[in-house]
Amino acid sequence: MNWLERYVGAVKNYLPRKIREDVGEEIMSGMRDKLEAKEDQLGRKLKGSELKKWIGGQAHPMVVASGYQKRRELVSAELFPLYLYALKIALVIILVLKVLSTGFYIFGNEQFHISGMIVRLFSGLLENALLAFASITLVFYFLGEQFSARKFFEKWSVNNLPEVGHKWIAVPVGEMIFEIVIYLFALGLVNSFYFNQWDFWWSDRLSLNPAIYGIVPWFNAVIVLFLVHRIWLVARPHWNISKLVTDAGLGAFGLWVLVMILSLDPIVFFDPAFVTDHPEIDRQIWVNRSVTYALYFVGLSYLYELGRDLYRIYKLKT
């Protein structure tokens, strides 16, 4: 195994894409120079176990990567790459959700004012963006200062370095954080229905098929397991066989839950009075069709990821 390449590859995982290759070459050159100096001092080449021990004495890959990015006082340099990812993803999610909520507002109100809708959209965006910025910054501040992040980085193991040779070994940390936010949103959305806490303009008009409440515990189990797995991938952003097997198993579990939900007809009920009051459009059919298409899309993504995981497992074993 080329432990030097694996170490530099791990550092590159935490670097922005535009500087990843150039900085990676610079780090590799520096590491080789340091290794040659060490071997000249000993008068011989380092053996495999000695090389692992020597690399284990270097700084954690994320700490090395942090030296090539701007430092911030509130967020420790070691955690800044993850902080930046989390902030970008949160702002994108807020934008998408606010646009969707504005669409629902238009959908549920035949009479609305364009000016009021624009004010509603941008005031909500500003409020939620500021709240997200403050919340994320506060979380990372306490992670860095109160929970001794530096001690965590000092205890890293060489054995946890990723394999090299496959471009897909590196896990996109930003993508994992995006999935974590999506899973949290889905968890809150479904359980708000489950506990009858859904509070917006159609809360008195919309309900789920009663049979779906028996599926909610299974849904929660899938989401929680996916969240734990994604957090694991953020902490160690590279694929190996155990992570791929876990991901494939969760995907199969998620597909089973989706099949149970899709077997229900309809998935969503509207109050009959509300539907008959609007003969020009059957909103129950429209909403159920939209939900079904969304679930089919999720199912197809699970199928794709399941096939991808099985292929990657095969490639790592051969």
C-alpha atoms as a PDB file:
ATOM      1  CA  MET A   1       0.000   0.000   0.000  1.00  0.00           C
ATOM      2  CA  ASN A   2       1.241   3.517  -0.800  1.00  0.00           C
ATOM      3  CA  TRP A   3       0.518   5.165   2.546  1.00  0.00           C
ATOM      4  CA  LEU A   4       1.999   8.458   1.353  1.00  0.00           C
ATOM      5  CA  GLU A   5      -0.506   8.694  -1.517  1.00  0.00           C
ATOM      6  CA  ARG A   6      -3.357   7.758   0.812  1.00  0.00           C
ATOM      7  CA  TYR A   7      -2.362  10.493   3.259  1.00  0.00           C
ATOM      8  CA  VAL A   8      -2.175  13.167   0.550  1.00  0.00           C
ATOM      9  CA  GLY A   9      -5.454  11.876  -0.945  1.00  0.00           C
ATOM     10  CA  ALA A  10      -7.122  12.293   2.451  1.00  0.00           C
ATOM     11  CA  VAL A  11      -5.852  15.895   2.661  1.00  0.00           C
ATOM     12  CA  LYS A  12      -7.233  16.629  -0.816  1.00  0.00           C
ATOM     13  CA  ASN A  13     -10.690  15.438   0.263  1.00  0.00           C
ATOM     14  CA  TYR A  14     -10.956  18.517   2.514  1.00  0.00           C
ATOM     15  CA  LEU A  15      -9.697  21.039  -0.064  1.00  0.00           C
ATOM     16  CA  PRO A  16     -11.822  23.151  -2.448  1.00  0.00           C
ATOM     17  CA  ARG A  17     -12.033  21.546  -5.867  1.00  0.00           C
ATOM     18  CA  LYS A  18     -10.325  24.448  -7.673  1.00  0.00           C
ATOM     19  CA  ILE A  19      -7.071  24.161  -5.683  1.00  0.00           C
ATOM     20  CA  ARG A  20      -7.193  20.435  -4.848  1.00  0.00           C
ATOM     21  CA  GLU A  21      -4.756  19.129  -7.471  1.00  0.00           C
ATOM     22  CA  ASP A  22      -2.193  21.947  -7.212  1.00  0.00           C
ATOM     23  CA  VAL A  23      -2.100  21.866  -3.433  1.00  0.00           C
ATOM     24  CA  GLY A  24      -2.054  18.064  -3.470  1.00  0.00           C
ATOM     25  CA  GLU A  25       1.089  18.075  -5.627  1.00  0.00           C
ATOM     26  CA  GLU A  26       2.693  20.640  -3.324  1.00  0.00           C
ATOM     27  CA  ILE A  27       1.926  18.558  -0.236  1.00  0.00           C
ATOM     28  CA  MET A  28       3.146  15.365  -1.921  1.00  0.00           C
ATOM     29  CA  SER A  29       6.415  17.033  -2.887  1.00  0.00           C
ATOM     30  CA  GLY A  30       6.922  18.310   0.659  1.00  0.00           C
ATOM     31  CA  MET A  31       6.123  14.920   2.195  1.00  0.00           C
ATOM     32  CA  ARG A  32       8.562  13.163  -0.112  1.00  0.00           C
ATOM     33  CA  ASP A  33      11.290  15.640   0.803  1.00  0.00           C
ATOM     34  CA  LYS A  34      10.645  15.088   4.508  1.00  0.00           C
ATOM     35  CA  LEU A  35      10.608  11.323   3.997  1.00  0.00           C
ATOM     36  CA  GLU A  36      13.914  11.403   2.086  1.00  0.00           C
ATOM     37  CA  ALA A  37      15.469  13.494   4.844  1.00  0.00           C
ATOM     38  CA  LYS A  38      14.286  10.958   7.427  1.00  0.00           C
ATOM     39  CA  GLU A  39      15.668   8.036   5.407  1.00  0.00           C
ATOM     40  CA  ASP A  40      18.991   9.841   4.842  1.00  0.00           C
ATOM     41  CA  GLN A  41      19.214  10.357   8.587  1.00  0.00           C
ATOM     42  CA  LEU A  42      18.665   6.624   9.189  1.00  0.00           C
ATOM     43  CA  GLY A  43      20.807   5.546   6.247  1.00  0.00           C
ATOM     44  CA  ARG A  44      18.116   3.216   4.900  1.00  0.00           C
ATOM     45  CA  LYS A  45      14.581   3.070   3.526  1.00  0.00           C
ATOM     46  CA  LEU A  46      11.690   2.968   5.956  1.00  0.00           C
ATOM     47  CA  LYS A  47       9.834  -0.340   6.074  1.00  0.00           C
ATOM     48  CA  GLY A  48       6.047  -0.605   5.790  1.00  0.00           C
ATOM     49  CA  SER A  49       5.291  -0.455   9.501  1.00  0.00           C
ATOM     50  CA  GLU A  50       7.889   2.278  10.023  1.00  0.00           C
ATOM     51  CA  LEU A  51       6.409   4.320   7.191  1.00  0.00           C
ATOM     52  CA  LYS A  52       2.930   4.013   8.717  1.00  0.00           C
ATOM     53  CA  LYS A  53       4.290   5.133  12.082  1.00  0.00           C
ATOM     54  CA  TRP A  54       6.089   8.077  10.497  1.00  0.00           C
ATOM     55  CA  ILE A  55       2.957   9.198   8.595  1.00  0.00           C
ATOM     56  CA  GLY A  56       0.925   8.745  11.788  1.00  0.00           C
ATOM     57  CA  GLY A  57       3.185  11.339  13.396  1.00  0.00           C
ATOM     58  CA  GLN A  58       2.093  13.956  10.864  1.00  0.00           C
ATOM     59  CA  ALA A  59      -0.854  16.299  11.397  1.00  0.00           C
ATOM     60  CA  HIS A  60      -4.425  15.136  10.745  1.00  0.00           C
ATOM     61  CA  PRO A  61      -5.336  15.582   7.025  1.00  0.00           C
ATOM     62  CA  MET A  62      -8.071  18.120   7.855  1.00  0.00           C
ATOM     63  CA  VAL A  63      -5.597  20.188   9.895  1.00  0.00           C
ATOM     64  CA  VAL A  64      -3.198  20.247   6.938  1.00  0.00           C
ATOM     65  CA  ALA A  65      -6.007  21.256   4.559  1.00  0.00           C
ATOM     66  CA  SER A  66      -7.120  24.052   6.885  1.00  0.00           C
ATOM     67  CA  GLY A  67      -3.761  25.747   6.387  1.00  0.00           C
ATOM     68  CA  TYR A  68      -4.669  26.418   2.760  1.00  0.00           C
ATOM     69  CA  GLN A  69      -7.948  28.179   3.549  1.00  0.00           C
ATOM     70  CA  LYS A  70      -8.826  31.445   5.237  1.00  0.00           C
ATOM     71  CA  ARG A  71      -8.827  31.339   9.008  1.00  0.00           C
ATOM     72  CA  ARG A  72     -11.751  32.560  11.140  1.00  0.00           C
ATOM     73  CA  GLU A  73     -11.763  33.556  14.792  1.00  0.00           C
ATOM     74  CA  LEU A  74     -15.189  32.197  15.740  1.00  0.00           C
ATOM     75  CA  VAL A  75     -14.654  28.849  14.000  1.00  0.00           C
ATOM     76  CA  SER A  76     -11.489  26.845  14.588  1.00  0.00           C
ATOM     77  CA  ALA A  77      -9.282  26.349  11.538  1.00  0.00           C
ATOM     78  CA  GLU A  78      -9.657  22.562  11.752  1.00  0.00           C
ATOM     79  CA  LEU A  79     -13.454  22.731  11.486  1.00  0.00           C
ATOM     80  CA  PHE A  80     -13.670  25.589   8.976  1.00  0.00           C
ATOM     81  CA  PRO A  81     -13.956  23.348   5.838  1.00  0.00           C
ATOM     82  CA  LEU A  82     -17.016  21.603   7.316  1.00  0.00           C
ATOM     83  CA  TYR A  83     -18.421  24.919   8.573  1.00  0.00           C
ATOM     84  CA  LEU A  84     -18.246  26.416   5.081  1.00  0.00           C
ATOM     85  CA  TYR A  85     -19.948  23.364   3.562  1.00  0.00           C
ATOM     86  CA  ALA A  86     -22.733  23.424   6.168  1.00  0.00           C
ATOM     87  CA  LEU A  87     -23.362  27.144   5.676  1.00  0.00           C
ATOM     88  CA  LYS A  88     -23.604  26.912   1.878  1.00  0.00           C
ATOM     89  CA  ILE A  89     -25.923  23.899   1.977  1.00  0.00           C
ATOM     90  CA  ALA A  90     -28.186  25.457   4.629  1.00  0.00           C
ATOM     91  CA  LEU A  91     -28.613  28.645   2.572  1.00  0.00           C
ATOM     92  CA  VAL A  92     -29.482  26.660  -0.560  1.00  0.00           C
ATOM     93  CA  ILE A  93     -32.043  24.590   1.372  1.00  0.00           C
ATOM     94  CA  ILE A  94     -33.618  27.741   2.827  1.00  0.00           C
ATOM     95  CA  LEU A  95     -33.919  29.291  -0.636  1.00  0.00           C
ATOM     96  CA  VAL A  96     -35.601  26.177  -2.073  1.00  0.00           C
ATOM     97  CA  LEU A  97     -38.024  25.805   0.848  1.00  0.00           C
ATOM     98  CA  LYS A  98     -39.016  29.481   0.823  1.00  0.00           C
ATOM     99  CA  VAL A  99     -39.722  29.343  -2.922  1.00  0.00           C
ATOM    100  CA  LEU A 100     -41.820  26.192  -2.401  1.00  0.00           C
ATOM    101  CA  SER A 101     -43.731  27.728   0.527  1.00  0.00           C
ATOM    102  CA  THR A 102     -44.470  30.806  -1.579  1.00  0.00           C
ATOM    103  CA  GLY A 103     -45.768  28.509  -4.311  1.00  0.00           C
ATOM    104  CA  PHE A 104     -48.039  26.758  -1.835  1.00  0.00           C
ATOM    105  CA  TYR A 105     -49.257  30.151  -0.671  1.00  0.00           C
ATOM    106  CA  ILE A 106     -50.222  31.077  -4.229  1.00  0.00           C
ATOM    107  CA  PHE A 107     -51.776  27.644  -4.753  1.00  0.00           C
ATOM    108  CA  GLY A 108     -54.014  28.029  -1.694  1.00  0.00           C
ATOM    109  CA  ASN A 109     -55.124  31.603  -2.257  1.00  0.00           C
ATOM    110  CA  GLU A 110     -57.067  32.579  -5.356  1.00  0.00           C
ATOM    111  CA  GLN A 111     -56.595  36.249  -4.508  1.00  0.00           C
ATOM    112  CA  PHE A 112     -53.140  37.451  -3.639  1.00  0.00           C
ATOM    113  CA  HIS A 113     -51.007  40.545  -4.258  1.00  0.00           C
ATOM    114  CA  ILE A 114     -47.710  40.292  -6.129  1.00  0.00           C
ATOM    115  CA  SER A 115     -46.109  42.941  -3.917  1.00  0.00           C
ATOM    116  CA  GLY A 116     -47.163  41.117  -0.760  1.00  0.00           C
ATOM    117  CA  MET A 117     -45.867  37.830  -2.132  1.00  0.00           C
ATOM    118  CA  ILE A 118     -42.448  39.369  -2.936  1.00  0.00           C
ATOM    119  CA  VAL A 119     -42.198  40.941   0.509  1.00  0.00           C
ATOM    120  CA  ARG A 120     -43.201  37.613   2.088  1.00  0.00           C
ATOM    121  CA  LEU A 121     -40.535  35.750   0.106  1.00  0.00           C
ATOM    122  CA  PHE A 122     -37.600  38.083   0.709  1.00  0.00           C
ATOM    123  CA  SER A 123     -38.388  38.874   4.341  1.00  0.00           C
ATOM    124  CA  GLY A 124     -38.615  35.145   5.051  1.00  0.00           C
ATOM    125  CA  LEU A 125     -35.349  34.513   3.197  1.00  0.00           C
ATOM    126  CA  LEU A 126     -33.516  37.209   5.156  1.00  0.00           C
ATOM    127  CA  GLU A 127     -34.877  36.081   8.513  1.00  0.00           C
ATOM    128  CA  ASN A 128     -34.112  32.404   7.967  1.00  0.00           C
ATOM    129  CA  ALA A 129     -30.700  33.043   6.405  1.00  0.00           C
ATOM    130  CA  LEU A 130     -29.617  35.123   9.393  1.00  0.00           C
ATOM    131  CA  LEU A 131     -30.956  32.496  11.801  1.00  0.00           C
ATOM    132  CA  ALA A 132     -29.137  29.713   9.913  1.00  0.00           C
ATOM    133  CA  PHE A 133     -25.879  31.682   9.859  1.00  0.00           C
ATOM    134  CA  ALA A 134     -26.052  32.418  13.590  1.00  0.00           C
ATOM    135  CA  SER A 135     -27.061  28.855  14.504  1.00  0.00           C
ATOM    136  CA  ILE A 136     -24.400  27.131  12.395  1.00  0.00           C
ATOM    137  CA  THR A 137     -21.683  29.509  13.571  1.00  0.00           C
ATOM    138  CA  LEU A 138     -22.679  28.944  17.194  1.00  0.00           C
ATOM    139  CA  VAL A 139     -22.660  25.143  16.775  1.00  0.00           C
ATOM    140  CA  PHE A 140     -19.195  25.127  15.202  1.00  0.00           C
ATOM    141  CA  TYR A 141     -17.886  27.575  17.797  1.00  0.00           C
ATOM    142  CA  PHE A 142     -18.829  25.213  20.605  1.00  0.00           C
ATOM    143  CA  LEU A 143     -17.542  22.211  18.663  1.00  0.00           C
ATOM    144  CA  GLY A 144     -14.172  23.877  18.280  1.00  0.00           C
ATOM    145  CA  GLU A 145     -13.822  25.477  21.700  1.00  0.00           C
ATOM    146  CA  GLN A 146     -15.895  23.505  24.185  1.00  0.00           C
ATOM    147  CA  PHE A 147     -15.472  19.970  22.873  1.00  0.00           C
ATOM    148  CA  SER A 148     -11.728  20.157  22.197  1.00  0.00           C
ATOM    149  CA  ALA A 149     -11.698  19.465  18.468  1.00  0.00           C
ATOM    150  CA  ARG A 150      -7.901  19.549  18.443  1.00  0.00           C
ATOM    151  CA  LYS A 151      -7.727  16.540  20.769  1.00  0.00           C
ATOM    152  CA  PHE A 152      -9.929  14.613  18.351  1.00  0.00           C
ATOM    153  CA  PHE A 153      -7.627  15.385  15.434  1.00  0.00           C
ATOM    154  CA  GLU A 154      -4.525  14.402  17.400  1.00  0.00           C
ATOM    155  CA  LYS A 155      -5.884  10.857  17.878  1.00  0.00           C
ATOM    156  CA  TRP A 156      -6.371   9.966  14.227  1.00  0.00           C
ATOM    157  CA  SER A 157      -5.175   6.601  12.906  1.00  0.00           C
ATOM    158  CA  VAL A 158      -3.204   5.836   9.753  1.00  0.00           C
ATOM    159  CA  ASN A 159      -5.415   2.754   9.221  1.00  0.00           C
ATOM    160  CA  ASN A 160      -8.371   5.079   8.541  1.00  0.00           C
ATOM    161  CA  LEU A 161      -6.755   6.617   5.466  1.00  0.00           C
ATOM    162  CA  PRO A 162      -8.750   5.953   2.267  1.00  0.00           C
ATOM    163  CA  GLU A 163      -7.670   3.655  -0.541  1.00  0.00           C
ATOM    164  CA  VAL A 164      -6.340   5.194  -3.758  1.00  0.00           C
ATOM    165  CA  GLY A 165      -6.969   4.165  -7.346  1.00  0.00           C
ATOM    166  CA  HIS A 166     -10.716   4.926  -7.615  1.00  0.00           C
ATOM    167  CA  LYS A 167     -11.964   8.488  -8.103  1.00  0.00           C
ATOM    168  CA  TRP A 168     -15.173   7.681  -6.233  1.00  0.00           C
ATOM    169  CA  ILE A 169     -13.369   6.670  -3.009  1.00  0.00           C
ATOM    170  CA  ALA A 170     -13.543  10.262  -1.762  1.00  0.00           C
ATOM    171  CA  VAL A 171     -16.975  11.112  -0.324  1.00  0.00           C
ATOM    172  CA  PRO A 172     -18.229  14.634  -1.223  1.00  0.00           C
ATOM    173  CA  VAL A 173     -18.668  16.160   2.239  1.00  0.00           C
ATOM    174  CA  GLY A 174     -20.961  18.886   0.913  1.00  0.00           C
ATOM    175  CA  GLU A 175     -23.278  16.283  -0.602  1.00  0.00           C
ATOM    176  CA  MET A 176     -23.443  14.418   2.718  1.00  0.00           C
ATOM    177  CA  ILE A 177     -24.308  17.606   4.627  1.00  0.00           C
ATOM    178  CA  PHE A 178     -26.996  18.356   2.025  1.00  0.00           C
ATOM    179  CA  GLU A 179     -28.476  14.880   2.573  1.00  0.00           C
ATOM    180  CA  ILE A 180     -28.387  15.342   6.349  1.00  0.00           C
ATOM    181  CA  VAL A 181     -30.421  18.559   6.028  1.00  0.00           C
ATOM    182  CA  ILE A 182     -32.900  16.873   3.651  1.00  0.00           C
ATOM    183  CA  TYR A 183     -33.344  13.884   5.975  1.00  0.00           C
ATOM    184  CA  LEU A 184     -33.907  16.168   8.967  1.00  0.00           C
ATOM    185  CA  PHE A 185     -36.519  18.116   7.001  1.00  0.00           C
ATOM    186  CA  ALA A 186     -38.283  14.893   5.943  1.00  0.00           C
ATOM    187  CA  LEU A 187     -38.222  13.636   9.529  1.00  0.00           C
ATOM    188  CA  GLY A 188     -39.807  16.843  10.811  1.00  0.00           C
ATOM    189  CA  LEU A 189     -42.370  17.035   7.998  1.00  0.00           C
ATOM    190  CA  VAL A 190     -43.741  13.499   8.349  1.00  0.00           C
ATOM    191  CA  ASN A 191     -43.776  13.567  12.142  1.00  0.00           C
ATOM    192  CA  SER A 192     -45.574  16.920  12.176  1.00  0.00           C
ATOM    193  CA  PHE A 193     -48.420  15.123  10.389  1.00  0.00           C
ATOM    194  CA  TYR A 194     -48.080  12.157  12.747  1.00  0.00           C
ATOM    195  CA  PHE A 195     -48.489  14.326  15.852  1.00  0.00           C
ATOM    196  CA  ASN A 196     -51.015  16.692  14.216  1.00  0.00           C
ATOM    197  CA  GLN A 197     -48.717  19.678  14.557  1.00  0.00           C
ATOM    198  CA  TRP A 198     -48.773  20.803  10.908  1.00  0.00           C
ATOM    199  CA  ASP A 199     -49.571  24.503  11.150  1.00  0.00           C
ATOM    200  CA  PHE A 200     -50.040  26.405   7.891  1.00  0.00           C
ATOM    201  CA  TRP A 201     -52.804  27.488   5.524  1.00  0.00           C
ATOM    202  CA  TRP A 202     -54.120  24.002   4.609  1.00  0.00           C
ATOM    203  CA  SER A 203     -53.717  22.294   8.016  1.00  0.00           C
ATOM    204  CA  ASP A 204     -57.498  21.966   8.393  1.00  0.00           C
ATOM    205  CA  ARG A 205     -57.936  20.623   4.852  1.00  0.00           C
ATOM    206  CA  LEU A 206     -55.228  17.990   4.516  1.00  0.00           C
ATOM    207  CA  SER A 207     -54.567  14.649   6.215  1.00  0.00           C
ATOM    208  CA  LEU A 208     -52.616  11.482   5.489  1.00  0.00           C
ATOM    209  CA  ASN A 209     -54.122   8.099   4.725  1.00  0.00           C
ATOM    210  CA  PRO A 210     -54.714   6.508   8.179  1.00  0.00           C
ATOM    211  CA  ALA A 211     -52.782   3.403   7.105  1.00  0.00           C
ATOM    212  CA  ILE A 212     -49.621   5.473   6.702  1.00  0.00           C
ATOM    213  CA  TYR A 213     -49.389   6.062  10.442  1.00  0.00           C
ATOM    214  CA  GLY A 214     -48.421   2.430  10.881  1.00  0.00           C
ATOM    215  CA  ILE A 215     -45.534   3.012   8.465  1.00  0.00           C
ATOM    216  CA  VAL A 216     -44.223   6.146  10.203  1.00  0.00           C
ATOM    217  CA  PRO A 217     -42.124   4.225  12.812  1.00  0.00           C
ATOM    218  CA  TRP A 218     -40.399   2.344   9.971  1.00  0.00           C
ATOM    219  CA  PHE A 219     -39.891   5.607   8.120  1.00  0.00           C
ATOM    220  CA  ASN A 220     -38.346   7.173  11.229  1.00  0.00           C
ATOM    221  CA  ALA A 221     -36.022   4.189  11.642  1.00  0.00           C
ATOM    222  CA  VAL A 222     -34.802   4.512   8.026  1.00  0.00           C
ATOM    223  CA  ILE A 223     -34.206   8.259   8.336  1.00  0.00           C
ATOM    224  CA  VAL A 224     -32.377   8.008  11.671  1.00  0.00           C
ATOM    225  CA  LEU A 225     -30.121   5.235  10.342  1.00  0.00           C
ATOM    226  CA  PHE A 226     -29.391   7.275   7.213  1.00  0.00           C
ATOM    227  CA  LEU A 227     -28.557  10.309   9.389  1.00  0.00           C
ATOM    228  CA  VAL A 228     -26.107   8.299  11.515  1.00  0.00           C
ATOM    229  CA  HIS A 229     -24.509   6.859   8.387  1.00  0.00           C
ATOM    230  CA  ARG A 230     -24.156  10.288   6.725  1.00  0.00           C
ATOM    231  CA  ILE A 231     -22.591  11.766   9.875  1.00  0.00           C
ATOM    232  CA  TRP A 232     -20.165   8.823   9.848  1.00  0.00           C
ATOM    233  CA  LEU A 233     -19.262   9.670   6.242  1.00  0.00           C
ATOM    234  CA  VAL A 234     -18.724  13.348   7.101  1.00  0.00           C
ATOM    235  CA  ALA A 235     -16.362  12.358   9.917  1.00  0.00           C
ATOM    236  CA  ARG A 236     -14.480   9.899   7.656  1.00  0.00           C
ATOM    237  CA  PRO A 237     -15.178  11.023   4.067  1.00  0.00           C
ATOM    238  CA  HIS A 238     -14.111   7.976   2.091  1.00  0.00           C
ATOM    239  CA  TRP A 239     -15.797   4.764   1.015  1.00  0.00           C
ATOM    240  CA  ASN A 240     -14.752   1.295   2.129  1.00  0.00           C
ATOM    241  CA  ILE A 241     -16.505  -2.071   1.983  1.00  0.00           C
ATOM    242  CA  SER A 242     -18.181  -1.777   5.398  1.00  0.00           C
ATOM    243  CA  LYS A 243     -19.603   1.669   4.586  1.00  0.00           C
ATOM    244  CA  LEU A 244     -20.803   0.520   1.163  1.00  0.00           C
ATOM    245  CA  VAL A 245     -22.492  -2.581   2.604  1.00  0.00           C
ATOM    246  CA  THR A 246     -24.211  -0.415   5.227  1.00  0.00           C
ATOM    247  CA  ASP A 247     -25.324   2.081   2.572  1.00  0.00           C
ATOM    248  CA  ALA A 248     -26.680  -0.711   0.351  1.00  0.00           C
ATOM    249  CA  GLY A 249     -28.591  -2.244   3.270  1.00  0.00           C
ATOM    250  CA  LEU A 250     -30.123   1.111   4.184  1.00  0.00           C
ATOM    251  CA  GLY A 251     -31.092   1.695   0.560  1.00  0.00           C
ATOM    252  CA  ALA A 252     -32.877  -1.656   0.403  1.00  0.00           C
ATOM    253  CA  PHE A 253     -34.652  -0.861   3.698  1.00  0.00           C
ATOM    254  CA  GLY A 254     -35.690   2.528   2.343  1.00  0.00           C
ATOM    255  CA  LEU A 255     -37.059   0.946  -0.844  1.00  0.00           C
ATOM    256  CA  TRP A 256     -39.187  -1.447   1.219  1.00  0.00           C
ATOM    257  CA  VAL A 257     -40.702   1.483   3.156  1.00  0.00           C
ATOM    258  CA  LEU A 258     -41.362   3.393  -0.099  1.00  0.00           C
ATOM    259  CA  VAL A 259     -43.159   0.377  -1.596  1.00  0.00           C
ATOM    260  CA  MET A 260     -45.429   0.215   1.472  1.00  0.00           C
ATOM    261  CA  ILE A 261     -46.269   3.921   1.114  1.00  0.00           C
ATOM    262  CA  LEU A 262     -46.869   3.709  -2.651  1.00  0.00           C
ATOM    263  CA  SER A 263     -49.280   0.797  -2.128  1.00  0.00           C
ATOM    264  CA  LEU A 264     -51.691   3.210  -0.428  1.00  0.00           C
ATOM    265  CA  ASP A 265     -54.338   4.964  -2.512  1.00  0.00           C
ATOM    266  CA  PRO A 266     -54.734   7.827  -1.924  1.00  0.00           C
ATOM    267  CA  ILE A 267     -51.710   8.843   0.156  1.00  0.00           C
ATOM    268  CA  VAL A 268     -53.154  12.268   1.002  1.00  0.00           C
ATOM    269  CA  PHE A 269     -56.788  13.210   1.744  1.00  0.00           C
ATOM    270  CA  PHE A 270     -58.408  16.602   1.355  1.00  0.00           C
ATOM    271  CA  ASP A 271     -61.515  17.660   3.213  1.00  0.00           C
ATOM    272  CA  PRO A 272     -64.462  16.837   0.862  1.00  0.00           C
ATOM    273  CA  ALA A 273     -65.988  20.287   1.321  1.00  0.00           C
ATOM    274  CA  PHE A 274     -62.760  21.895   0.222  1.00  0.00           C
ATOM    275  CA  VAL A 275     -62.576  19.771  -2.936  1.00  0.00           C
ATOM    276  CA  THR A 276     -66.240  20.353  -3.917  1.00  0.00           C
ATOM    277  CA  ASP A 277     -65.823  24.081  -3.351  1.00  0.00           C
ATOM    278  CA  HIS A 278     -63.254  24.088  -6.174  1.00  0.00           C
ATOM    279  CA  PRO A 279     -64.794  22.074  -9.058  1.00  0.00           C
ATOM    280  CA  GLU A 280     -62.349  23.552 -11.544  1.00  0.00           C
ATOM    281  CA  ILE A 281     -59.467  21.542 -10.090  1.00  0.00           C
ATOM    282  CA  ASP A 282     -59.383  18.330  -8.112  1.00  0.00           C
ATOM    283  CA  ARG A 283     -56.587  19.224  -5.722  1.00  0.00           C
ATOM    284  CA  GLN A 284     -56.575  15.827  -4.054  1.00  0.00           C
ATOM    285  CA  ILE A 285     -55.677  14.151  -7.357  1.00  0.00           C
ATOM    286  CA  TRP A 286     -53.077  16.831  -8.136  1.00  0.00           C
ATOM    287  CA  VAL A 287     -51.392  16.576  -4.732  1.00  0.00           C
ATOM    288  CA  ASN A 288     -51.411  12.754  -4.701  1.00  0.00           C
ATOM    289  CA  ARG A 289     -49.957  12.657  -8.185  1.00  0.00           C
ATOM    290  CA  SER A 290     -47.198  15.054  -7.139  1.00  0.00           C
ATOM    291  CA  VAL A 291     -46.434  13.041  -3.985  1.00  0.00           C
ATOM    292  CA  THR A 292     -46.397   9.783  -5.968  1.00  0.00           C
ATOM    293  CA  TYR A 293     -44.016  11.175  -8.598  1.00  0.00           C
ATOM    294  CA  ALA A 294     -41.746  12.508  -5.845  1.00  0.00           C
ATOM    295  CA  LEU A 295     -41.690   9.089  -4.147  1.00  0.00           C
ATOM    296  CA  TYR A 296     -40.954   7.367  -7.482  1.00  0.00           C
ATOM    297  CA  PHE A 297     -38.012   9.740  -7.946  1.00  0.00           C
ATOM    298  CA  VAL A 298     -36.728   8.896  -4.459  1.00  0.00           C
ATOM    299  CA  GLY A 299     -37.170   5.183  -5.197  1.00  0.00           C
ATOM    300  CA  LEU A 300     -35.227   5.467  -8.461  1.00  0.00           C
ATOM    301  CA  SER A 301     -32.424   7.286  -6.666  1.00  0.00           C
ATOM    302  CA  TYR A 302     -32.325   4.496  -4.053  1.00  0.00           C
ATOM    303  CA  LEU A 303     -32.184   1.878  -6.841  1.00  0.00           C
ATOM    304  CA  TYR A 304     -29.354   3.742  -8.541  1.00  0.00           C
ATOM    305  CA  GLU A 305     -27.389   4.074  -5.304  1.00  0.00           C
ATOM    306  CA  LEU A 306     -27.991   0.395  -4.473  1.00  0.00           C
ATOM    307  CA  GLY A 307     -26.615  -0.691  -7.834  1.00  0.00           C
ATOM    308  CA  ARG A 308     -23.713   1.738  -7.500  1.00  0.00           C
ATOM    309  CA  ASP A 309     -22.866   0.439  -4.020  1.00  0.00           C
ATOM    310  CA  LEU A 310     -22.886  -3.191  -5.212  1.00  0.00           C
ATOM    311  CA  TYR A 311     -20.636  -2.282  -8.143  1.00  0.00           C
ATOM    312  CA  ARG A 312     -18.197  -0.463  -5.866  1.00  0.00           C
ATOM    313  CA  ILE A 313     -18.119  -3.377  -3.426  1.00  0.00           C
ATOM    314  CA  TYR A 314     -17.243  -5.661  -6.322  1.00  0.00           C
ATOM    315  CA  LYS A 315     -14.462  -3.293  -7.484  1.00  0.00           C
ATOM    316  CA  LEU A 316     -12.925  -3.093  -4.006  1.00  0.00           C
ATOM    317  CA  LYS A 317     -12.959  -6.876  -3.606  1.00  0.00           C
ATOM    318  CA  THR A 318     -11.331  -7.569  -6.990  1.00  0.00           C
END
